Protein backbone atom coordinates (compact mmCIF):
# COMPACT_ATOMS: atom_id res chain seq x y z
CA MET A 1 316.73 138.43 -27.07
CA VAL A 2 318.52 136.17 -29.50
CA SER A 3 317.44 132.54 -30.02
CA ILE A 4 320.04 130.20 -31.45
CA THR A 5 318.90 127.08 -33.27
CA SER A 6 321.52 124.65 -34.42
CA THR A 7 321.33 121.83 -36.93
CA GLN A 8 322.00 119.36 -34.10
CA THR A 9 319.08 120.73 -32.05
CA LEU A 10 316.71 120.35 -34.98
CA THR A 11 318.01 116.84 -35.72
CA ASN A 12 317.55 115.71 -32.10
CA ALA A 13 314.03 117.09 -32.01
CA LEU A 14 313.15 115.19 -35.16
CA ARG A 15 314.73 112.01 -33.78
CA ARG A 16 312.51 112.20 -30.72
CA SER A 17 309.54 112.74 -32.97
CA VAL A 18 310.56 109.74 -35.08
CA LEU A 19 310.89 107.51 -32.00
CA ASP A 20 307.44 108.57 -30.81
CA VAL A 21 305.90 107.87 -34.20
CA GLN A 22 307.69 104.51 -34.39
CA THR A 23 306.24 103.53 -30.99
CA GLN A 24 302.75 104.53 -32.07
CA LEU A 25 303.18 102.71 -35.39
CA SER A 26 304.34 99.52 -33.66
CA LYS A 27 301.24 99.54 -31.45
CA ALA A 28 298.96 100.30 -34.38
CA GLN A 29 300.47 97.49 -36.46
CA ALA A 30 300.00 95.08 -33.52
CA GLU A 31 296.35 96.11 -33.27
CA VAL A 32 295.82 95.53 -36.99
CA SER A 33 297.47 92.11 -36.68
CA THR A 34 295.67 90.92 -33.52
CA GLY A 35 292.48 92.95 -33.68
CA ARG A 36 292.98 93.87 -30.01
CA ILE A 37 294.12 96.96 -28.13
CA ALA A 38 297.91 96.78 -27.91
CA ASP A 39 298.18 98.22 -24.39
CA LEU A 40 295.10 97.07 -22.45
CA GLY A 41 295.99 98.96 -19.29
CA LEU A 42 296.38 102.25 -21.13
CA GLY A 43 293.54 101.64 -23.52
CA LEU A 44 290.92 100.45 -21.03
CA GLY A 45 291.80 102.39 -17.91
CA ALA A 46 289.47 101.52 -15.04
CA ALA A 47 287.62 99.04 -17.29
CA ILE A 48 290.66 96.77 -17.12
CA GLN A 49 289.29 95.27 -13.87
CA ARG A 50 286.13 94.18 -15.67
CA ASP A 51 288.24 92.77 -18.50
CA TYR A 52 290.35 90.74 -16.06
CA ALA A 53 287.21 89.43 -14.31
CA TYR A 54 285.81 88.25 -17.65
CA GLY A 55 289.15 86.58 -18.43
CA PHE A 56 289.23 84.70 -15.11
CA ARG A 57 285.66 83.51 -15.63
CA SER A 58 286.50 82.36 -19.15
CA ASP A 59 289.50 80.41 -17.81
CA ASP A 60 287.26 78.71 -15.23
CA LEU A 61 284.78 77.72 -17.94
CA ALA A 62 287.59 76.40 -20.17
CA ALA A 63 288.98 74.30 -17.30
CA LEU A 64 285.54 72.85 -16.58
CA THR A 65 285.05 72.03 -20.26
CA ALA A 66 288.41 70.24 -20.39
CA SER A 67 287.55 68.30 -17.22
CA ASN A 68 284.14 67.37 -18.64
CA ASN A 69 285.77 66.06 -21.79
CA VAL A 70 287.87 63.71 -19.68
CA VAL A 71 284.78 62.65 -17.72
CA SER A 72 282.90 62.05 -20.99
CA THR A 73 285.68 59.76 -22.21
CA ARG A 74 285.54 57.73 -18.99
CA LEU A 75 281.76 57.50 -19.04
CA SER A 76 281.85 56.37 -22.66
CA ALA A 77 284.32 53.64 -21.69
CA THR A 78 282.06 52.71 -18.77
CA ASP A 79 279.03 52.43 -21.03
CA THR A 80 280.99 50.29 -23.51
CA ALA A 81 282.20 48.02 -20.69
CA LEU A 82 278.71 47.57 -19.23
CA SER A 83 277.34 46.86 -22.70
CA SER A 84 279.97 44.15 -23.15
CA ILE A 85 279.16 42.66 -19.74
CA ALA A 86 275.42 42.71 -20.51
CA SER A 87 275.92 41.01 -23.89
CA ALA A 88 278.07 38.25 -22.39
CA ALA A 89 275.61 37.78 -19.52
CA GLN A 90 272.68 37.49 -21.92
CA ASN A 91 274.52 34.92 -24.03
CA PHE A 92 275.37 32.88 -20.94
CA LEU A 93 271.75 33.05 -19.73
CA GLU A 94 270.60 31.66 -23.06
CA THR A 95 273.20 28.89 -22.73
CA LEU A 96 271.92 28.05 -19.23
CA ILE A 97 268.31 27.90 -20.41
CA SER A 98 269.29 25.76 -23.38
CA ALA A 99 271.27 23.40 -21.14
CA GLN A 100 268.24 22.85 -18.89
CA SER A 101 266.04 21.82 -21.80
CA ALA A 102 268.59 19.86 -23.81
CA ALA A 103 268.97 16.18 -23.05
CA GLY A 104 272.48 15.25 -22.01
CA SER A 105 273.93 18.76 -21.93
CA ASP A 106 277.67 18.70 -21.33
CA PRO A 107 278.48 20.00 -17.79
CA GLY A 108 282.14 20.41 -18.76
CA ALA A 109 281.29 22.68 -21.67
CA ILE A 110 278.88 24.73 -19.54
CA ARG A 111 281.53 25.08 -16.85
CA GLY A 112 283.98 26.26 -19.51
CA TYR A 113 281.54 28.94 -20.70
CA ALA A 114 281.07 30.11 -17.10
CA GLU A 115 284.81 30.24 -16.46
CA THR A 116 285.33 32.30 -19.62
CA GLY A 117 282.49 34.59 -18.60
CA LEU A 118 283.92 35.15 -15.12
CA LYS A 119 287.39 35.91 -16.50
CA SER A 120 285.88 38.35 -19.00
CA LEU A 121 283.84 40.05 -16.27
CA ILE A 122 286.91 40.54 -14.08
CA SER A 123 288.97 41.83 -17.00
CA THR A 124 286.26 44.29 -18.04
CA LEU A 125 285.76 45.61 -14.52
CA ASP A 126 289.52 46.23 -14.40
CA THR A 127 289.28 48.62 -17.37
CA SER A 128 291.37 51.76 -17.01
CA VAL A 129 291.33 55.00 -19.01
CA ASP A 130 294.55 57.01 -18.95
CA GLY A 131 295.62 55.15 -15.83
CA VAL A 132 292.31 55.66 -14.01
CA GLN A 133 290.34 52.57 -12.95
CA ILE A 134 286.82 53.49 -14.05
CA PHE A 135 285.13 50.90 -11.79
CA GLY A 136 287.32 51.55 -8.76
CA GLY A 137 285.03 54.09 -7.08
CA VAL A 138 287.27 56.71 -5.50
CA ASN A 139 290.10 54.14 -5.38
CA THR A 140 291.07 54.93 -8.96
CA ASP A 141 294.69 53.74 -8.92
CA VAL A 142 294.13 50.04 -8.12
CA ALA A 143 292.40 47.44 -10.29
CA PRO A 144 289.15 46.50 -8.48
CA LEU A 145 289.29 42.73 -8.99
CA SER A 146 292.03 40.11 -9.01
CA ASP A 147 292.12 37.05 -11.24
CA TYR A 148 289.90 34.43 -9.59
CA PHE A 149 291.80 31.49 -11.05
CA THR A 150 295.36 32.42 -10.00
CA ASP A 151 297.84 30.02 -8.41
CA PRO A 152 298.09 30.29 -5.44
CA PRO A 153 294.32 30.69 -5.15
CA SER A 154 292.83 34.15 -4.91
CA THR A 155 291.10 35.30 -1.74
CA ALA A 156 287.75 34.97 -3.49
CA LYS A 157 288.38 31.37 -4.55
CA GLN A 158 289.64 30.46 -1.09
CA ALA A 159 286.37 31.78 0.34
CA VAL A 160 284.33 29.68 -2.11
CA ASP A 161 286.43 26.58 -1.40
CA GLN A 162 286.02 27.01 2.35
CA ALA A 163 282.27 27.56 2.09
CA PHE A 164 281.81 24.46 -0.07
CA PHE A 165 283.93 22.25 2.17
CA GLY A 166 282.18 23.61 5.25
CA ALA A 167 278.78 22.71 3.80
CA PHE A 168 279.55 19.28 2.34
CA GLY A 169 282.80 18.04 3.87
CA VAL A 170 284.34 17.52 0.41
CA ALA A 171 286.08 19.76 -2.11
CA GLN A 172 284.56 20.78 -5.42
CA GLY A 173 285.15 18.09 -8.01
CA ASP A 174 285.64 15.38 -5.40
CA ALA A 175 283.90 12.07 -6.12
CA GLY A 176 282.00 12.41 -2.87
CA ALA A 177 280.19 15.46 -4.31
CA ALA A 178 278.07 13.07 -6.38
CA SER A 179 275.97 12.36 -3.29
CA ILE A 180 274.92 16.00 -2.83
CA THR A 181 271.16 16.30 -3.39
CA ASP A 182 269.36 19.08 -5.21
CA GLN A 183 267.83 20.27 -1.91
CA GLN A 184 271.27 20.39 -0.26
CA ILE A 185 272.87 22.33 -3.11
CA GLN A 186 269.93 24.74 -3.19
CA THR A 187 270.30 25.37 0.56
CA PHE A 188 274.00 26.04 0.01
CA LEU A 189 273.45 28.34 -2.97
CA SER A 190 270.86 30.47 -1.19
CA GLY A 191 272.78 30.43 2.10
CA SER A 192 276.53 30.43 2.67
CA PHE A 193 277.37 30.69 -1.04
CA ALA A 194 275.08 33.69 -1.56
CA ASP A 195 276.66 35.32 1.51
CA LEU A 196 279.99 35.33 -0.33
CA PHE A 197 278.54 37.94 -2.70
CA SER A 198 277.02 40.20 -0.09
CA SER A 199 278.33 43.74 -0.01
CA THR A 200 280.55 43.00 2.99
CA SER A 201 282.06 39.74 1.73
CA TRP A 202 282.51 41.12 -1.78
CA SER A 203 284.52 44.06 -0.42
CA SER A 204 286.68 41.82 1.78
CA ASP A 205 287.25 38.87 -0.60
CA TRP A 206 286.68 40.12 -4.14
CA SER A 207 286.89 43.86 -4.64
CA SER A 208 289.26 46.68 -3.73
CA ALA A 209 286.82 49.24 -5.17
CA THR A 210 284.94 51.62 -2.90
CA ASP A 211 281.17 51.91 -2.75
CA GLU A 212 281.64 55.65 -2.96
CA THR A 213 281.97 56.75 -6.56
CA THR A 214 283.79 59.72 -8.03
CA LYS A 215 282.07 63.07 -8.29
CA ASN A 216 283.07 65.96 -10.52
CA ARG A 217 282.18 69.62 -10.75
CA ILE A 218 280.65 69.78 -14.21
CA SER A 219 279.52 73.41 -14.17
CA LEU A 220 280.02 76.52 -12.07
CA SER A 221 277.11 75.48 -9.85
CA GLN A 222 276.74 71.71 -10.32
CA THR A 223 278.58 68.66 -9.00
CA SER A 224 277.59 65.24 -10.33
CA GLU A 225 278.33 61.57 -9.76
CA THR A 226 280.50 60.47 -12.68
CA SER A 227 281.43 56.81 -12.23
CA VAL A 228 280.17 53.33 -11.40
CA SER A 229 281.68 51.04 -8.77
CA ALA A 230 282.54 47.38 -9.30
CA ASN A 231 280.61 46.82 -6.06
CA GLU A 232 277.22 47.38 -7.69
CA ALA A 233 274.71 44.62 -6.86
CA ALA A 234 274.13 43.80 -10.53
CA LEU A 235 277.83 43.11 -11.08
CA ARG A 236 278.07 41.00 -7.92
CA LYS A 237 275.11 38.90 -9.04
CA ILE A 238 276.68 38.28 -12.44
CA ALA A 239 279.87 37.11 -10.73
CA GLN A 240 277.77 34.90 -8.46
CA ALA A 241 276.03 33.21 -11.40
CA TYR A 242 279.29 32.60 -13.26
CA THR A 243 281.08 31.31 -10.15
CA MET A 244 278.42 28.77 -9.12
CA VAL A 245 278.66 27.14 -12.54
CA ALA A 246 282.40 27.59 -13.01
CA ASP A 247 283.71 26.46 -9.61
CA LEU A 248 281.32 24.15 -7.77
CA GLY A 249 282.37 20.99 -9.62
CA VAL A 250 279.26 20.53 -11.78
CA GLU A 251 280.92 17.70 -13.70
CA THR A 252 280.97 15.41 -10.63
CA MET A 253 277.49 16.23 -9.30
CA SER A 254 274.30 14.27 -9.72
CA SER A 255 272.04 15.31 -12.57
CA SER A 256 269.47 16.71 -10.14
CA ALA A 257 272.05 18.82 -8.28
CA TYR A 258 273.54 19.97 -11.58
CA ARG A 259 270.09 21.00 -12.86
CA GLN A 260 269.47 22.89 -9.61
CA ILE A 261 272.69 24.85 -10.14
CA LEU A 262 271.64 25.67 -13.70
CA GLU A 263 268.20 26.86 -12.55
CA THR A 264 269.60 28.96 -9.71
CA ALA A 265 272.26 30.48 -11.96
CA SER A 266 269.59 31.31 -14.55
CA VAL A 267 267.46 33.17 -12.00
CA ALA A 268 270.48 35.04 -10.62
CA MET A 269 271.69 36.01 -14.10
CA SER A 270 268.22 37.11 -15.21
CA ASP A 271 267.88 39.35 -12.15
CA ALA A 272 271.39 40.71 -12.70
CA ILE A 273 270.68 41.59 -16.33
CA SER A 274 267.57 43.50 -15.30
CA GLU A 275 269.53 45.43 -12.64
CA LEU A 276 272.34 46.01 -15.11
CA THR A 277 269.90 47.66 -17.50
CA THR A 278 268.99 50.12 -14.74
CA LEU A 279 272.68 50.73 -14.06
CA ARG A 280 273.37 51.44 -17.72
CA ALA A 281 270.48 53.89 -17.76
CA LYS A 282 272.09 55.62 -14.78
CA VAL A 283 275.30 55.99 -16.77
CA GLY A 284 273.28 57.41 -19.65
CA VAL A 285 271.86 60.06 -17.31
CA MET A 286 275.41 60.93 -16.21
CA GLN A 287 276.51 61.28 -19.84
CA LYS A 288 273.51 63.49 -20.64
CA GLY A 289 274.26 65.66 -17.60
CA VAL A 290 277.86 66.23 -18.70
CA SER A 291 276.79 66.88 -22.30
CA ASP A 292 274.19 69.45 -21.19
CA ALA A 293 276.74 71.08 -18.89
CA ASN A 294 279.21 71.39 -21.76
CA GLU A 295 276.58 73.02 -23.96
CA SER A 296 275.84 75.52 -21.19
CA LEU A 297 279.55 76.17 -20.65
CA ALA A 298 280.05 76.79 -24.37
CA ALA A 299 277.18 79.30 -24.40
CA GLN A 300 278.62 81.09 -21.36
CA ARG A 301 282.08 81.18 -22.94
CA ASP A 302 280.64 82.67 -26.14
CA MET A 303 278.84 85.34 -24.15
CA ILE A 304 281.97 86.21 -22.16
CA ALA A 305 284.05 86.27 -25.35
CA THR A 306 281.60 88.83 -26.75
CA GLN A 307 281.92 90.93 -23.59
CA ILE A 308 285.72 90.75 -23.69
CA GLY A 309 285.67 91.61 -27.38
CA SER A 310 283.57 94.70 -26.75
CA LEU A 311 286.33 95.93 -24.43
CA GLU A 312 289.49 94.73 -26.16
CA ASN A 313 288.73 94.68 -29.87
CA VAL A 314 289.65 97.58 -32.13
CA ASP A 315 287.99 98.90 -35.28
CA PRO A 316 290.11 97.28 -38.02
CA PHE A 317 289.37 100.10 -40.48
CA GLU A 318 290.37 102.79 -37.98
CA ALA A 319 293.51 100.87 -37.01
CA SER A 320 294.54 100.41 -40.65
CA THR A 321 293.97 104.11 -41.35
CA ARG A 322 296.10 104.97 -38.33
CA VAL A 323 298.92 102.72 -39.59
CA ASN A 324 298.84 104.43 -42.99
CA ASN A 325 298.87 107.90 -41.47
CA LEU A 326 301.70 107.06 -39.07
CA THR A 327 303.69 105.44 -41.87
CA THR A 328 303.34 108.60 -43.97
CA GLN A 329 304.28 110.73 -40.97
CA LEU A 330 307.33 108.58 -40.30
CA GLU A 331 308.49 108.75 -43.91
CA THR A 332 308.10 112.55 -43.82
CA SER A 333 310.15 112.71 -40.62
CA TYR A 334 312.91 110.63 -42.21
CA THR A 335 312.97 112.96 -45.20
CA LEU A 336 313.16 116.11 -43.05
CA THR A 337 315.87 114.59 -40.85
CA GLY A 338 317.95 113.81 -43.91
CA LYS A 339 317.59 117.31 -45.32
CA ILE A 340 318.44 119.01 -42.00
CA GLN A 341 321.53 116.84 -41.61
CA GLN A 342 322.70 118.10 -45.02
CA LEU A 343 322.57 121.75 -43.86
CA THR A 344 326.09 123.23 -43.37
CA LEU A 345 327.49 126.79 -43.37
CA SER A 346 330.13 125.75 -45.85
CA LYS A 347 327.45 125.71 -48.53
CA TYR A 348 326.77 129.37 -47.91
CA ILE A 349 330.31 130.78 -47.48
């Protein structure tokens, strides 16, 4: 039997060998560069299912961490807003107390402070973060409160005007209000005026926020309340104290009725500040919960990364050695191919 081997046959065989080595070299170089198996399916076999499961879990943890970072930003803004409201409320309470003890305190100036305080409260409760109303409850796309002092009058102001006229038969600031006694104004403040700041009236006349607050999944197994509503009792009481001084016409009232308003506003504001402290502590608990969840998520992600690495990572020394060996093998193949291509019968005839 005679076997015939041609130059072309040898060349083609070497070309196939070169292509195979080039493929292996490309994979080896990728593994050196990335530190990971180039072809996970081929390299891991049946273990690829475990690798995918780890990857999906890692993605879930990353998504939760990103969501928690957004929640943390909103809670930080909430805490800052409540701190601002508390500071302004405390300053106004001190002004009210000072006005009660100071002879000839200026009702117009006190009314101005109250009006400024109410405007600031409304503005702060309308705070948004990245387009989300942080005091809106689950109604996050609409500002909770409208400007009380708009023209035409806001729904809230109309309700106050109607309540005052219904009780006394005159409008706020009218000269006839000078005849209102301290007992009459106290009955009004604790009755129909206080009713304007009940949960029901607040929701119908003042606020578009919901009592229900937002909740977020902060870990794989935990969902937590993550916002505060503008409908909280502490915030309603602060608005009540500001409004009774800002919009009941204190400048035209008798000194006894004016003093009664100051005393009632002081009590309401003091109670509100105490309740606001509790509310701020609640926000602090929310922030701590999210922070703890993020720490747990980070630990879980690190553990999963280690598990994925044990499957996907390559030995850098072994991969580098393989690259060197394949490079040498490829260079040898190139040299042999060149020499075989130079073979011709003409050289031997």
